[in-house]
Amino acid sequence: MTNAELIDRLIEETAQAPDWRGGLARPGHLPLFNSLGPVMYLTPAGDVVMNDEEDGPLRLADQAERDFALARAAEQYPELAYLKPLRPQLAATCDRCCGRGKVTLSQGTILPWRDGQEPEWVLYCPGCNSLGWTVTG
């Protein structure tokens, strides 16, 4: 099965999903992430596209948006884990999330995610686009 065939199969399956993904299904677009408006999708060609407003026109994601979306793809669809950006050898562990990719808020302060936390809302680290690492230079 090629990457495009795999993504096409996931698109078909997701269109029937009882969760948020089924409601945001579009032909030829696999929903990866939705946050009260913008939706990120993966196409069978491997492009990450998104809209800036719900039901708005799709545009190509920039590199940071693409990295974030592919990390979400790996979470939502284990078959796509290979798409998650690999940590470069010179990358540093993110100071904000301590490498976990998620953070929590306490009295207006961003704090690293603690193992075992199960909050109602997941907050992805803005410092590393939820990857757990950063590259400077």
Protein backbone atom coordinates (compact mmCIF):
# COMPACT_ATOMS: atom_id res chain seq x y z
CA MET A 1 0.00 0.00 0.00
CA THR A 2 1.39 3.40 -0.98
CA ASN A 3 1.24 6.47 1.25
CA ALA A 4 -1.55 7.88 -0.95
CA GLU A 5 -3.52 4.62 -0.72
CA LEU A 6 -3.13 4.57 3.06
CA ILE A 7 -4.28 8.18 3.38
CA ASP A 8 -7.21 7.55 1.00
CA ARG A 9 -8.26 4.57 3.16
CA LEU A 10 -8.03 6.67 6.32
CA ILE A 11 -10.08 9.44 4.68
CA GLU A 12 -12.84 6.94 3.88
CA GLU A 13 -12.79 5.46 7.39
CA THR A 14 -12.68 8.86 9.09
CA ALA A 15 -15.70 10.12 7.17
CA GLN A 16 -17.70 7.58 9.22
CA ALA A 17 -16.04 8.44 12.55
CA PRO A 18 -18.43 9.37 15.37
CA ASP A 19 -16.06 12.03 16.73
CA TRP A 20 -15.10 15.50 15.47
CA ARG A 21 -13.24 14.05 12.48
CA GLY A 22 -16.40 12.65 10.88
CA GLY A 23 -18.10 16.02 11.09
CA LEU A 24 -15.19 17.77 9.37
CA ALA A 25 -14.60 15.23 6.61
CA ARG A 26 -13.91 16.62 3.15
CA PRO A 27 -13.33 14.54 0.03
CA GLY A 28 -9.59 14.02 -0.43
CA HIS A 29 -8.70 15.53 2.97
CA LEU A 30 -7.87 13.69 6.19
CA PRO A 31 -8.71 15.79 9.27
CA LEU A 32 -5.75 16.06 11.65
CA PHE A 33 -6.59 18.83 14.10
CA ASN A 34 -9.40 21.20 14.96
CA SER A 35 -9.33 23.95 17.54
CA LEU A 36 -12.62 25.83 17.61
CA GLY A 37 -12.36 27.06 14.06
CA PRO A 38 -9.31 26.29 11.92
CA VAL A 39 -8.98 22.70 10.71
CA MET A 40 -5.77 21.04 9.51
CA TYR A 41 -5.93 18.30 6.86
CA LEU A 42 -3.54 15.90 5.14
CA THR A 43 -4.01 15.19 1.44
CA PRO A 44 -3.12 11.91 -0.29
CA ALA A 45 -0.25 13.80 -1.97
CA GLY A 46 1.20 14.50 1.50
CA ASP A 47 0.37 18.19 1.66
CA VAL A 48 -0.87 19.73 4.89
CA VAL A 49 -3.59 22.28 4.22
CA MET A 50 -5.75 24.27 6.58
CA ASN A 51 -8.39 26.91 6.75
CA ASP A 52 -8.16 29.98 8.93
CA GLU A 53 -11.91 29.98 9.60
CA GLU A 54 -14.26 27.04 9.81
CA ASP A 55 -15.54 26.23 6.32
CA GLY A 56 -13.15 28.84 4.89
CA PRO A 57 -10.90 28.27 1.88
CA LEU A 58 -7.95 25.92 2.34
CA ARG A 59 -4.36 27.12 2.14
CA LEU A 60 -1.02 25.33 2.31
CA ALA A 61 0.33 25.18 5.88
CA ASP A 62 3.64 26.87 6.63
CA GLN A 63 6.50 24.76 8.03
CA ALA A 64 5.65 25.30 11.72
CA GLU A 65 1.98 24.51 11.07
CA ARG A 66 2.99 21.44 9.06
CA ASP A 67 5.21 20.13 11.88
CA PHE A 68 2.38 20.61 14.38
CA ALA A 69 -0.16 18.92 12.08
CA LEU A 70 2.09 15.92 11.40
CA ALA A 71 2.63 15.45 15.14
CA ARG A 72 -1.17 15.39 15.51
CA ALA A 73 -1.40 12.91 12.61
CA ALA A 74 0.91 10.54 14.49
CA GLU A 75 -1.37 10.79 17.57
CA GLN A 76 -4.68 10.40 15.73
CA TYR A 77 -3.60 7.74 13.25
CA PRO A 78 -0.84 5.35 14.44
CA GLU A 79 -0.29 4.22 10.83
CA LEU A 80 1.00 7.75 10.12
CA ALA A 81 3.53 7.88 12.97
CA TYR A 82 6.34 7.87 10.40
CA LEU A 83 5.25 11.37 9.31
CA LYS A 84 6.07 12.98 12.68
CA PRO A 85 9.13 15.19 12.31
CA LEU A 86 12.26 13.48 13.58
CA ARG A 87 14.28 15.18 16.28
CA PRO A 88 17.52 16.49 14.77
CA GLN A 89 20.74 15.53 16.50
CA LEU A 90 21.46 19.15 17.48
CA ALA A 91 17.96 19.83 18.82
CA ALA A 92 17.52 20.96 22.40
CA THR A 93 14.77 19.78 24.71
CA CYS A 94 12.09 22.46 24.92
CA ASP A 95 12.37 24.51 28.11
CA ARG A 96 8.63 25.24 28.28
CA CYS A 97 7.34 21.66 28.21
CA CYS A 98 10.46 19.73 29.31
CA GLY A 99 10.23 17.63 26.16
CA ARG A 100 6.64 16.47 26.56
CA GLY A 101 5.06 18.69 23.90
CA LYS A 102 2.18 19.62 26.21
CA VAL A 103 1.80 22.29 28.86
CA THR A 104 -0.69 23.30 31.50
CA LEU A 105 -1.75 26.68 32.83
CA SER A 106 -1.72 27.66 36.48
CA GLN A 107 -2.76 31.18 37.46
CA GLY A 108 -1.88 32.48 34.01
CA THR A 109 1.57 30.85 33.92
CA ILE A 110 2.56 28.16 31.44
CA LEU A 111 3.95 25.13 33.25
CA PRO A 112 5.36 21.86 31.88
CA TRP A 113 2.97 18.95 31.52
CA ARG A 114 3.14 16.48 34.39
CA ASP A 115 2.79 12.76 33.76
CA GLY A 116 -0.56 11.45 34.91
CA GLN A 117 -2.43 14.71 34.24
CA GLU A 118 -5.79 14.22 32.56
CA PRO A 119 -7.22 17.71 32.08
CA GLU A 120 -10.34 18.32 30.05
CA TRP A 121 -8.42 20.41 27.50
CA VAL A 122 -5.00 19.54 26.09
CA LEU A 123 -2.69 22.50 25.63
CA TYR A 124 0.07 21.93 23.13
CA CYS A 125 3.36 23.67 23.81
CA PRO A 126 3.71 26.87 21.76
CA GLY A 127 7.48 26.89 22.33
CA CYS A 128 8.15 23.79 20.24
CA ASN A 129 4.93 23.27 18.23
CA SER A 130 4.28 20.25 20.48
CA LEU A 131 7.35 18.39 19.27
CA GLY A 132 9.20 18.53 22.61
CA TRP A 133 12.35 19.97 21.06
CA THR A 134 13.60 23.10 19.35
CA VAL A 135 16.37 23.94 16.92
CA THR A 136 18.07 27.31 17.18
CA GLY A 137 20.47 28.94 14.83
